[in-house]
Amino acid sequence: MQVTVQQLVNLPFYTEGPVLGPDGRCFFTTLSGGMIGTVGENGTVEPWGKTVCPNGQVISAEGLHLVCDSQQAGIARFDTSGNFIDYLVKETIAKTTICTPNDLILDSHQNLYFTDSIHVDGKVFFKGADGTEKLVLRDIHYANGLGLSPDERTLYVAESYRNRILAIELTEPGVARSKAEVFIQLPQHPSGELTRNLPDGIAIAPDSSVWVAHYGMQAVQVVDIDGHLRFSIDTQLPLTSNLCFVEWSRYKQVLLVTGGYGEPGPGAVMRISVTHGKN
């Protein structure tokens, strides 16, 4: 296996929310910088949208951006040109108060899942395309990144302060069959410091493997469908926040990885290529 890490750009602020647009543009957010931007392969950054504290983001089938604003307790919507439309969710959902929206995903029916990152009683919420609101799971010690299996029957959640990934079996969109199970307990930093662990963003690969941005470990952890660690990637980002796939094949994966060297900054966006031998 060969890993190539390219720093696309240095920024004043820690980065998050990587996503690949339908036109091939790579988007990211800057949290404290308040910017949603794009970055090209040559490192060119262009501002695209703005909100108070943009975190995770996803692009809908209509091309709208849904962005967690962690300081506004809401999910902001932007049109295809980066103009703010409104808040899809704000302050409460399913008769429950929202504190710090962090990450979000859409299923194939455009149903929305998002995490509320608080200690001990972190939560996962559901906002259906038909307006249905549900509390999927609570009592998560800092619910963070989210991923959905290709068959959409399993929801993966990073439980940051227990350094593990949870798996939730879904009986239908937004409805858990039972309590979450521990999918994998991730490696611990040799220092023993809790904040040097903290799984963050998640990306699910076409082969169902789970790729985890491991915040304090300067790593992406790659986990197979059975919950076994396959390998780790050194991101060269001391604080690794999130990732998305730019390219995928059996022998080569290309990732866009966000994070930085401190919070609130500086930050960076990395392009990481992983190449496997064909024999």
C-alpha atoms as a PDB file:
ATOM      1  CA  MET A   1       0.000   0.000   0.000  1.00  0.00           C
ATOM      2  CA  GLN A   2       1.278   3.462  -0.916  1.00  0.00           C
ATOM      3  CA  VAL A   3      -0.054   6.642   0.678  1.00  0.00           C
ATOM      4  CA  THR A   4       0.529  10.109  -0.775  1.00  0.00           C
ATOM      5  CA  VAL A   5      -0.428  13.179   1.261  1.00  0.00           C
ATOM      6  CA  GLN A   6      -0.711  16.557  -0.452  1.00  0.00           C
ATOM      7  CA  GLN A   7      -1.537  19.739   1.411  1.00  0.00           C
ATOM      8  CA  LEU A   8      -3.886  21.685  -0.845  1.00  0.00           C
ATOM      9  CA  VAL A   9      -4.031  24.819   1.271  1.00  0.00           C
ATOM     10  CA  ASN A  10      -3.212  26.382   4.633  1.00  0.00           C
ATOM     11  CA  LEU A  11      -5.930  28.502   6.218  1.00  0.00           C
ATOM     12  CA  PRO A  12      -6.188  30.732   9.305  1.00  0.00           C
ATOM     13  CA  PHE A  13      -8.978  28.571  10.728  1.00  0.00           C
ATOM     14  CA  TYR A  14      -9.467  24.875  11.481  1.00  0.00           C
ATOM     15  CA  THR A  15     -11.476  23.196   8.717  1.00  0.00           C
ATOM     16  CA  GLU A  16     -14.405  20.783   8.612  1.00  0.00           C
ATOM     17  CA  GLY A  17     -17.282  19.613   6.420  1.00  0.00           C
ATOM     18  CA  PRO A  18     -15.561  18.244   3.283  1.00  0.00           C
ATOM     19  CA  VAL A  19     -17.925  17.280   0.486  1.00  0.00           C
ATOM     20  CA  LEU A  20     -17.636  16.701  -3.254  1.00  0.00           C
ATOM     21  CA  GLY A  21     -20.108  18.693  -5.339  1.00  0.00           C
ATOM     22  CA  PRO A  22     -21.955  17.275  -8.360  1.00  0.00           C
ATOM     23  CA  ASP A  23     -19.754  19.413 -10.621  1.00  0.00           C
ATOM     24  CA  GLY A  24     -16.565  18.017  -9.059  1.00  0.00           C
ATOM     25  CA  ARG A  25     -15.829  21.003  -6.824  1.00  0.00           C
ATOM     26  CA  CYS A  26     -14.475  20.246  -3.329  1.00  0.00           C
ATOM     27  CA  PHE A  27     -16.193  22.158  -0.523  1.00  0.00           C
ATOM     28  CA  PHE A  28     -15.148  22.673   3.107  1.00  0.00           C
ATOM     29  CA  THR A  29     -16.114  24.797   6.119  1.00  0.00           C
ATOM     30  CA  THR A  30     -14.005  26.859   8.543  1.00  0.00           C
ATOM     31  CA  LEU A  31     -16.003  26.849  11.813  1.00  0.00           C
ATOM     32  CA  SER A  32     -14.602  29.929  13.599  1.00  0.00           C
ATOM     33  CA  GLY A  33     -13.921  31.556  10.243  1.00  0.00           C
ATOM     34  CA  GLY A  34     -17.607  31.371   9.352  1.00  0.00           C
ATOM     35  CA  MET A  35     -16.838  30.497   5.729  1.00  0.00           C
ATOM     36  CA  ILE A  36     -17.982  27.737   3.408  1.00  0.00           C
ATOM     37  CA  GLY A  37     -15.439  27.570   0.614  1.00  0.00           C
ATOM     38  CA  THR A  38     -14.133  25.577  -2.316  1.00  0.00           C
ATOM     39  CA  VAL A  39     -10.582  24.415  -2.941  1.00  0.00           C
ATOM     40  CA  GLY A  40      -9.044  23.354  -6.239  1.00  0.00           C
ATOM     41  CA  GLU A  41      -6.269  20.847  -6.877  1.00  0.00           C
ATOM     42  CA  ASN A  42      -3.852  23.770  -7.264  1.00  0.00           C
ATOM     43  CA  GLY A  43      -4.788  25.077  -3.798  1.00  0.00           C
ATOM     44  CA  THR A  44      -6.986  27.917  -4.981  1.00  0.00           C
ATOM     45  CA  VAL A  45      -9.597  28.805  -2.345  1.00  0.00           C
ATOM     46  CA  GLU A  46     -12.797  30.617  -3.195  1.00  0.00           C
ATOM     47  CA  PRO A  47     -15.387  31.762  -0.608  1.00  0.00           C
ATOM     48  CA  TRP A  48     -18.793  30.287  -1.433  1.00  0.00           C
ATOM     49  CA  GLY A  49     -21.130  30.888   1.513  1.00  0.00           C
ATOM     50  CA  LYS A  50     -21.123  32.224   5.062  1.00  0.00           C
ATOM     51  CA  THR A  51     -22.765  31.486   8.392  1.00  0.00           C
ATOM     52  CA  VAL A  52     -21.755  31.887  12.036  1.00  0.00           C
ATOM     53  CA  CYS A  53     -20.034  28.554  12.754  1.00  0.00           C
ATOM     54  CA  PRO A  54     -20.335  26.120   9.819  1.00  0.00           C
ATOM     55  CA  ASN A  55     -19.447  22.532  10.647  1.00  0.00           C
ATOM     56  CA  GLY A  56     -20.568  19.377   8.796  1.00  0.00           C
ATOM     57  CA  GLN A  57     -22.286  19.784   5.440  1.00  0.00           C
ATOM     58  CA  VAL A  58     -24.039  17.673   2.837  1.00  0.00           C
ATOM     59  CA  ILE A  59     -25.440  18.379  -0.623  1.00  0.00           C
ATOM     60  CA  SER A  60     -29.013  17.370  -1.402  1.00  0.00           C
ATOM     61  CA  ALA A  61     -30.274  15.795  -4.622  1.00  0.00           C
ATOM     62  CA  GLU A  62     -31.498  19.274  -5.599  1.00  0.00           C
ATOM     63  CA  GLY A  63     -28.012  20.700  -5.150  1.00  0.00           C
ATOM     64  CA  LEU A  64     -28.833  22.567  -1.935  1.00  0.00           C
ATOM     65  CA  HIS A  65     -26.197  22.617   0.811  1.00  0.00           C
ATOM     66  CA  LEU A  66     -27.325  21.678   4.316  1.00  0.00           C
ATOM     67  CA  VAL A  67     -24.806  22.927   6.871  1.00  0.00           C
ATOM     68  CA  CYS A  68     -24.653  22.390  10.629  1.00  0.00           C
ATOM     69  CA  ASP A  69     -24.203  25.741  12.372  1.00  0.00           C
ATOM     70  CA  SER A  70     -22.840  24.720  15.732  1.00  0.00           C
ATOM     71  CA  GLN A  71     -23.406  28.133  17.338  1.00  0.00           C
ATOM     72  CA  GLN A  72     -26.897  28.732  15.971  1.00  0.00           C
ATOM     73  CA  ALA A  73     -28.381  25.375  17.010  1.00  0.00           C
ATOM     74  CA  GLY A  74     -29.575  24.832  13.479  1.00  0.00           C
ATOM     75  CA  ILE A  75     -29.179  23.281  10.054  1.00  0.00           C
ATOM     76  CA  ALA A  76     -28.772  26.093   7.527  1.00  0.00           C
ATOM     77  CA  ARG A  77     -29.816  25.734   3.883  1.00  0.00           C
ATOM     78  CA  PHE A  78     -27.964  27.380   0.995  1.00  0.00           C
ATOM     79  CA  ASP A  79     -28.889  27.502  -2.664  1.00  0.00           C
ATOM     80  CA  THR A  80     -26.606  26.326  -5.470  1.00  0.00           C
ATOM     81  CA  SER A  81     -24.862  29.712  -5.564  1.00  0.00           C
ATOM     82  CA  GLY A  82     -24.066  29.850  -1.830  1.00  0.00           C
ATOM     83  CA  ASN A  83     -26.904  32.154  -0.795  1.00  0.00           C
ATOM     84  CA  PHE A  84     -28.481  31.477   2.598  1.00  0.00           C
ATOM     85  CA  ILE A  85     -32.139  30.380   2.285  1.00  0.00           C
ATOM     86  CA  ASP A  86     -33.324  29.488   5.784  1.00  0.00           C
ATOM     87  CA  TYR A  87     -32.885  27.002   8.616  1.00  0.00           C
ATOM     88  CA  LEU A  88     -34.263  23.543   7.898  1.00  0.00           C
ATOM     89  CA  VAL A  89     -34.034  22.854  11.645  1.00  0.00           C
ATOM     90  CA  LYS A  90     -33.577  25.449  14.384  1.00  0.00           C
ATOM     91  CA  GLU A  91     -33.256  25.092  18.177  1.00  0.00           C
ATOM     92  CA  THR A  92     -35.725  22.210  18.616  1.00  0.00           C
ATOM     93  CA  ILE A  93     -36.694  18.995  16.848  1.00  0.00           C
ATOM     94  CA  ALA A  94     -38.999  16.169  17.923  1.00  0.00           C
ATOM     95  CA  LYS A  95     -39.902  18.284  20.996  1.00  0.00           C
ATOM     96  CA  THR A  96     -36.248  18.187  22.058  1.00  0.00           C
ATOM     97  CA  THR A  97     -33.809  21.081  22.423  1.00  0.00           C
ATOM     98  CA  ILE A  98     -30.824  21.165  20.064  1.00  0.00           C
ATOM     99  CA  CYS A  99     -27.504  22.430  21.425  1.00  0.00           C
ATOM    100  CA  THR A 100     -24.600  21.890  19.017  1.00  0.00           C
ATOM    101  CA  PRO A 101     -25.377  20.371  15.604  1.00  0.00           C
ATOM    102  CA  ASN A 102     -22.164  18.790  14.365  1.00  0.00           C
ATOM    103  CA  ASP A 103     -22.441  16.393  11.427  1.00  0.00           C
ATOM    104  CA  LEU A 104     -25.164  15.247   9.052  1.00  0.00           C
ATOM    105  CA  ILE A 105     -25.976  12.825   6.234  1.00  0.00           C
ATOM    106  CA  LEU A 106     -28.818  12.228   3.783  1.00  0.00           C
ATOM    107  CA  ASP A 107     -30.137   8.816   2.770  1.00  0.00           C
ATOM    108  CA  SER A 108     -31.271   7.925  -0.754  1.00  0.00           C
ATOM    109  CA  HIS A 109     -34.779   9.252  -0.008  1.00  0.00           C
ATOM    110  CA  GLN A 110     -33.363  12.611   1.171  1.00  0.00           C
ATOM    111  CA  ASN A 111     -34.125  11.902   4.808  1.00  0.00           C
ATOM    112  CA  LEU A 112     -31.737  13.779   7.087  1.00  0.00           C
ATOM    113  CA  TYR A 113     -29.806  12.452  10.098  1.00  0.00           C
ATOM    114  CA  PHE A 114     -27.681  14.762  12.261  1.00  0.00           C
ATOM    115  CA  THR A 115     -25.797  14.671  15.540  1.00  0.00           C
ATOM    116  CA  ASP A 116     -26.048  17.010  18.518  1.00  0.00           C
ATOM    117  CA  SER A 117     -22.632  17.076  20.178  1.00  0.00           C
ATOM    118  CA  ILE A 118     -22.860  17.422  23.930  1.00  0.00           C
ATOM    119  CA  HIS A 119     -21.175  15.440  26.660  1.00  0.00           C
ATOM    120  CA  VAL A 120     -22.895  12.363  28.104  1.00  0.00           C
ATOM    121  CA  ASP A 121     -26.312  12.999  26.522  1.00  0.00           C
ATOM    122  CA  GLY A 122     -25.377  13.567  22.896  1.00  0.00           C
ATOM    123  CA  LYS A 123     -28.074  12.684  20.385  1.00  0.00           C
ATOM    124  CA  VAL A 124     -28.870  11.623  16.835  1.00  0.00           C
ATOM    125  CA  PHE A 125     -31.919  13.225  15.220  1.00  0.00           C
ATOM    126  CA  PHE A 126     -33.938  12.454  12.092  1.00  0.00           C
ATOM    127  CA  LYS A 127     -35.771  14.892   9.828  1.00  0.00           C
ATOM    128  CA  GLY A 128     -37.725  13.058   7.155  1.00  0.00           C
ATOM    129  CA  ALA A 129     -38.191  14.368   3.638  1.00  0.00           C
ATOM    130  CA  ASP A 130     -41.912  14.473   4.541  1.00  0.00           C
ATOM    131  CA  GLY A 131     -41.223  16.620   7.624  1.00  0.00           C
ATOM    132  CA  THR A 132     -41.316  13.783  10.167  1.00  0.00           C
ATOM    133  CA  GLU A 133     -39.108  14.450  13.201  1.00  0.00           C
ATOM    134  CA  LYS A 134     -37.594  11.745  15.393  1.00  0.00           C
ATOM    135  CA  LEU A 135     -35.051  11.338  18.157  1.00  0.00           C
ATOM    136  CA  VAL A 136     -33.136   8.277  16.977  1.00  0.00           C
ATOM    137  CA  LEU A 137     -30.731   7.813  19.895  1.00  0.00           C
ATOM    138  CA  ARG A 138     -29.517   9.657  22.966  1.00  0.00           C
ATOM    139  CA  ASP A 139     -27.068   9.141  25.883  1.00  0.00           C
ATOM    140  CA  ILE A 140     -24.070   9.272  23.540  1.00  0.00           C
ATOM    141  CA  HIS A 141     -20.947  10.778  25.108  1.00  0.00           C
ATOM    142  CA  TYR A 142     -20.439  13.461  22.442  1.00  0.00           C
ATOM    143  CA  ALA A 143     -22.144  12.203  19.287  1.00  0.00           C
ATOM    144  CA  ASN A 144     -20.024  13.300  16.349  1.00  0.00           C
ATOM    145  CA  GLY A 145     -19.581  11.923  12.809  1.00  0.00           C
ATOM    146  CA  LEU A 146     -22.261   9.927  11.010  1.00  0.00           C
ATOM    147  CA  GLY A 147     -22.256   7.282   8.288  1.00  0.00           C
ATOM    148  CA  LEU A 148     -24.912   5.102   6.669  1.00  0.00           C
ATOM    149  CA  SER A 149     -24.247   1.639   5.262  1.00  0.00           C
ATOM    150  CA  PRO A 150     -24.811   1.214   1.492  1.00  0.00           C
ATOM    151  CA  ASP A 151     -28.004  -0.783   2.159  1.00  0.00           C
ATOM    152  CA  GLU A 152     -29.128   1.972   4.601  1.00  0.00           C
ATOM    153  CA  ARG A 153     -29.877  -0.550   7.331  1.00  0.00           C
ATOM    154  CA  THR A 154     -27.048   0.453   9.670  1.00  0.00           C
ATOM    155  CA  LEU A 155     -26.272   3.921  10.991  1.00  0.00           C
ATOM    156  CA  TYR A 156     -22.738   4.504  12.315  1.00  0.00           C
ATOM    157  CA  VAL A 157     -22.051   7.168  14.950  1.00  0.00           C
ATOM    158  CA  ALA A 158     -18.740   8.354  16.375  1.00  0.00           C
ATOM    159  CA  GLU A 159     -18.947   8.510  20.169  1.00  0.00           C
ATOM    160  CA  SER A 160     -15.968  10.768  20.626  1.00  0.00           C
ATOM    161  CA  TYR A 161     -15.388  10.712  24.365  1.00  0.00           C
ATOM    162  CA  ARG A 162     -15.587   6.929  24.557  1.00  0.00           C
ATOM    163  CA  ASN A 163     -13.235   6.579  21.568  1.00  0.00           C
ATOM    164  CA  ARG A 164     -15.502   4.237  19.661  1.00  0.00           C
ATOM    165  CA  ILE A 165     -17.879   3.862  16.759  1.00  0.00           C
ATOM    166  CA  LEU A 166     -21.444   2.775  17.454  1.00  0.00           C
ATOM    167  CA  ALA A 167     -23.657   0.844  15.032  1.00  0.00           C
ATOM    168  CA  ILE A 168     -27.433   1.307  15.077  1.00  0.00           C
ATOM    169  CA  GLU A 169     -29.618  -1.176  13.223  1.00  0.00           C
ATOM    170  CA  LEU A 170     -32.557   0.590  11.570  1.00  0.00           C
ATOM    171  CA  THR A 171     -35.941  -1.079  11.094  1.00  0.00           C
ATOM    172  CA  GLU A 172     -37.054   1.845   8.917  1.00  0.00           C
ATOM    173  CA  PRO A 173     -35.675   5.326   8.280  1.00  0.00           C
ATOM    174  CA  GLY A 174     -35.137   7.074  11.604  1.00  0.00           C
ATOM    175  CA  VAL A 175     -36.180   4.111  13.761  1.00  0.00           C
ATOM    176  CA  ALA A 176     -33.626   2.052  15.706  1.00  0.00           C
ATOM    177  CA  ARG A 177     -34.344  -1.643  16.259  1.00  0.00           C
ATOM    178  CA  SER A 178     -32.726  -1.580  19.696  1.00  0.00           C
ATOM    179  CA  LYS A 179     -29.867   0.050  21.552  1.00  0.00           C
ATOM    180  CA  ALA A 180     -26.679   0.850  19.695  1.00  0.00           C
ATOM    181  CA  GLU A 181     -23.899  -1.726  19.631  1.00  0.00           C
ATOM    182  CA  VAL A 182     -20.175  -1.027  19.782  1.00  0.00           C
ATOM    183  CA  PHE A 183     -18.896  -1.493  16.232  1.00  0.00           C
ATOM    184  CA  ILE A 184     -15.241  -0.886  17.113  1.00  0.00           C
ATOM    185  CA  GLN A 185     -13.236   0.409  20.060  1.00  0.00           C
ATOM    186  CA  LEU A 186     -10.561   2.471  18.360  1.00  0.00           C
ATOM    187  CA  PRO A 187      -6.822   2.534  19.129  1.00  0.00           C
ATOM    188  CA  GLN A 188      -5.747   4.828  21.950  1.00  0.00           C
ATOM    189  CA  HIS A 189      -3.027   7.432  21.869  1.00  0.00           C
ATOM    190  CA  PRO A 190       0.099   6.296  23.794  1.00  0.00           C
ATOM    191  CA  SER A 191      -0.040   9.443  25.948  1.00  0.00           C
ATOM    192  CA  GLY A 192      -3.249   8.265  27.587  1.00  0.00           C
ATOM    193  CA  GLU A 193      -4.734  11.753  27.123  1.00  0.00           C
ATOM    194  CA  LEU A 194      -8.429  11.483  26.312  1.00  0.00           C
ATOM    195  CA  THR A 195      -8.399  14.389  23.874  1.00  0.00           C
ATOM    196  CA  ARG A 196      -5.644  12.727  21.843  1.00  0.00           C
ATOM    197  CA  ASN A 197      -8.251  10.169  20.712  1.00  0.00           C
ATOM    198  CA  LEU A 198     -11.771  11.432  19.803  1.00  0.00           C
ATOM    199  CA  PRO A 199     -13.150   9.896  16.596  1.00  0.00           C
ATOM    200  CA  ASP A 200     -14.737  12.621  14.479  1.00  0.00           C
ATOM    201  CA  GLY A 201     -16.061  12.445  10.899  1.00  0.00           C
ATOM    202  CA  ILE A 202     -17.002   9.190   9.146  1.00  0.00           C
ATOM    203  CA  ALA A 203     -17.152   8.184   5.487  1.00  0.00           C
ATOM    204  CA  ILE A 204     -18.642   4.878   4.307  1.00  0.00           C
ATOM    205  CA  ALA A 205     -16.954   3.350   1.271  1.00  0.00           C
ATOM    206  CA  PRO A 206     -18.737   1.488  -1.547  1.00  0.00           C
ATOM    207  CA  ASP A 207     -17.322  -1.785  -0.153  1.00  0.00           C
ATOM    208  CA  SER A 208     -19.019  -0.987   3.211  1.00  0.00           C
ATOM    209  CA  SER A 209     -15.743  -0.273   5.013  1.00  0.00           C
ATOM    210  CA  VAL A 210     -15.912   2.538   7.564  1.00  0.00           C
ATOM    211  CA  TRP A 211     -13.294   5.303   7.324  1.00  0.00           C
ATOM    212  CA  VAL A 212     -12.939   7.360  10.507  1.00  0.00           C
ATOM    213  CA  ALA A 213     -11.197  10.704  10.998  1.00  0.00           C
ATOM    214  CA  HIS A 214      -9.447  10.177  14.356  1.00  0.00           C
ATOM    215  CA  TYR A 215      -9.164  13.735  15.644  1.00  0.00           C
ATOM    216  CA  GLY A 216      -6.252  13.549  18.105  1.00  0.00           C
ATOM    217  CA  MET A 217      -4.480  10.597  16.502  1.00  0.00           C
ATOM    218  CA  GLN A 218      -3.502  12.430  13.280  1.00  0.00           C
ATOM    219  CA  ALA A 219      -5.092   9.543  11.439  1.00  0.00           C
ATOM    220  CA  VAL A 220      -7.829   8.049   9.348  1.00  0.00           C
ATOM    221  CA  GLN A 221      -8.723   4.602  10.671  1.00  0.00           C
ATOM    222  CA  VAL A 222     -10.048   2.150   8.090  1.00  0.00           C
ATOM    223  CA  VAL A 223     -12.381  -0.496   9.527  1.00  0.00           C
ATOM    224  CA  ASP A 224     -13.861  -3.488   7.692  1.00  0.00           C
ATOM    225  CA  ILE A 225     -17.542  -4.418   7.702  1.00  0.00           C
ATOM    226  CA  ASP A 226     -16.984  -6.765  10.673  1.00  0.00           C
ATOM    227  CA  GLY A 227     -15.524  -4.041  12.867  1.00  0.00           C
ATOM    228  CA  HIS A 228     -11.850  -4.980  12.504  1.00  0.00           C
ATOM    229  CA  LEU A 229      -9.187  -2.338  11.962  1.00  0.00           C
ATOM    230  CA  ARG A 230      -7.633  -2.834   8.513  1.00  0.00           C
ATOM    231  CA  PHE A 231      -5.053  -0.059   8.483  1.00  0.00           C
ATOM    232  CA  SER A 232      -4.347   3.515   9.579  1.00  0.00           C
ATOM    233  CA  ILE A 233      -3.394   6.508   7.456  1.00  0.00           C
ATOM    234  CA  ASP A 234      -1.177   9.297   8.792  1.00  0.00           C
ATOM    235  CA  THR A 235      -2.947  12.473   7.647  1.00  0.00           C
ATOM    236  CA  GLN A 236      -0.126  14.829   8.730  1.00  0.00           C
ATOM    237  CA  LEU A 237      -2.859  16.881  10.434  1.00  0.00           C
ATOM    238  CA  PRO A 238      -2.421  16.819  14.237  1.00  0.00           C
ATOM    239  CA  LEU A 239      -6.162  17.458  14.523  1.00  0.00           C
ATOM    240  CA  THR A 240      -8.004  15.449  11.855  1.00  0.00           C
ATOM    241  CA  SER A 241     -11.660  16.401  11.646  1.00  0.00           C
ATOM    242  CA  ASN A 242     -13.400  14.825   8.661  1.00  0.00           C
ATOM    243  CA  LEU A 243     -13.095  13.239   5.227  1.00  0.00           C
ATOM    244  CA  CYS A 244     -14.907  12.487   2.004  1.00  0.00           C
ATOM    245  CA  PHE A 245     -14.093  10.370  -1.043  1.00  0.00           C
ATOM    246  CA  VAL A 246     -13.045  12.172  -4.199  1.00  0.00           C
ATOM    247  CA  GLU A 247     -12.267   8.979  -6.118  1.00  0.00           C
ATOM    248  CA  TRP A 248     -12.891   5.304  -5.418  1.00  0.00           C
ATOM    249  CA  SER A 249     -11.793   2.080  -7.061  1.00  0.00           C
ATOM    250  CA  ARG A 250     -10.643  -1.282  -5.794  1.00  0.00           C
ATOM    251  CA  TYR A 251      -6.997  -0.304  -6.139  1.00  0.00           C
ATOM    252  CA  LYS A 252      -7.045   3.427  -5.459  1.00  0.00           C
ATOM    253  CA  GLN A 253      -8.911   5.723  -3.090  1.00  0.00           C
ATOM    254  CA  VAL A 254      -8.547   9.502  -3.054  1.00  0.00           C
ATOM    255  CA  LEU A 255      -9.742  11.439  -0.003  1.00  0.00           C
ATOM    256  CA  LEU A 256     -10.296  15.062   0.878  1.00  0.00           C
ATOM    257  CA  VAL A 257      -9.352  15.431   4.568  1.00  0.00           C
ATOM    258  CA  THR A 258      -9.953  18.459   6.801  1.00  0.00           C
ATOM    259  CA  GLY A 259      -8.647  19.574  10.191  1.00  0.00           C
ATOM    260  CA  GLY A 260      -5.711  21.620  11.343  1.00  0.00           C
ATOM    261  CA  TYR A 261      -2.897  22.285  13.756  1.00  0.00           C
ATOM    262  CA  GLY A 262      -4.954  23.815  16.560  1.00  0.00           C
ATOM    263  CA  GLU A 263      -8.385  25.247  17.329  1.00  0.00           C
ATOM    264  CA  PRO A 264      -9.560  27.767  16.289  1.00  0.00           C
ATOM    265  CA  GLY A 265      -6.627  27.514  13.888  1.00  0.00           C
ATOM    266  CA  PRO A 266      -4.576  27.334  11.804  1.00  0.00           C
ATOM    267  CA  GLY A 267      -6.215  24.777   9.542  1.00  0.00           C
ATOM    268  CA  ALA A 268      -5.617  22.966   6.274  1.00  0.00           C
ATOM    269  CA  VAL A 269      -7.221  20.817   3.613  1.00  0.00           C
ATOM    270  CA  MET A 270      -5.357  17.688   2.472  1.00  0.00           C
ATOM    271  CA  ARG A 271      -5.708  15.419  -0.533  1.00  0.00           C
ATOM    272  CA  ILE A 272      -4.690  11.853   0.318  1.00  0.00           C
ATOM    273  CA  SER A 273      -4.258   9.052  -2.222  1.00  0.00           C
ATOM    274  CA  VAL A 274      -4.140   5.415  -1.151  1.00  0.00           C
ATOM    275  CA  THR A 275      -2.901   2.953  -3.790  1.00  0.00           C
ATOM    276  CA  HIS A 276      -2.991  -0.835  -3.364  1.00  0.00           C
ATOM    277  CA  GLY A 277      -1.091  -3.408  -5.378  1.00  0.00           C
ATOM    278  CA  LYS A 278      -3.074  -5.497  -7.852  1.00  0.00           C
ATOM    279  CA  ASN A 279      -1.491  -8.792  -6.845  1.00  0.00           C
END
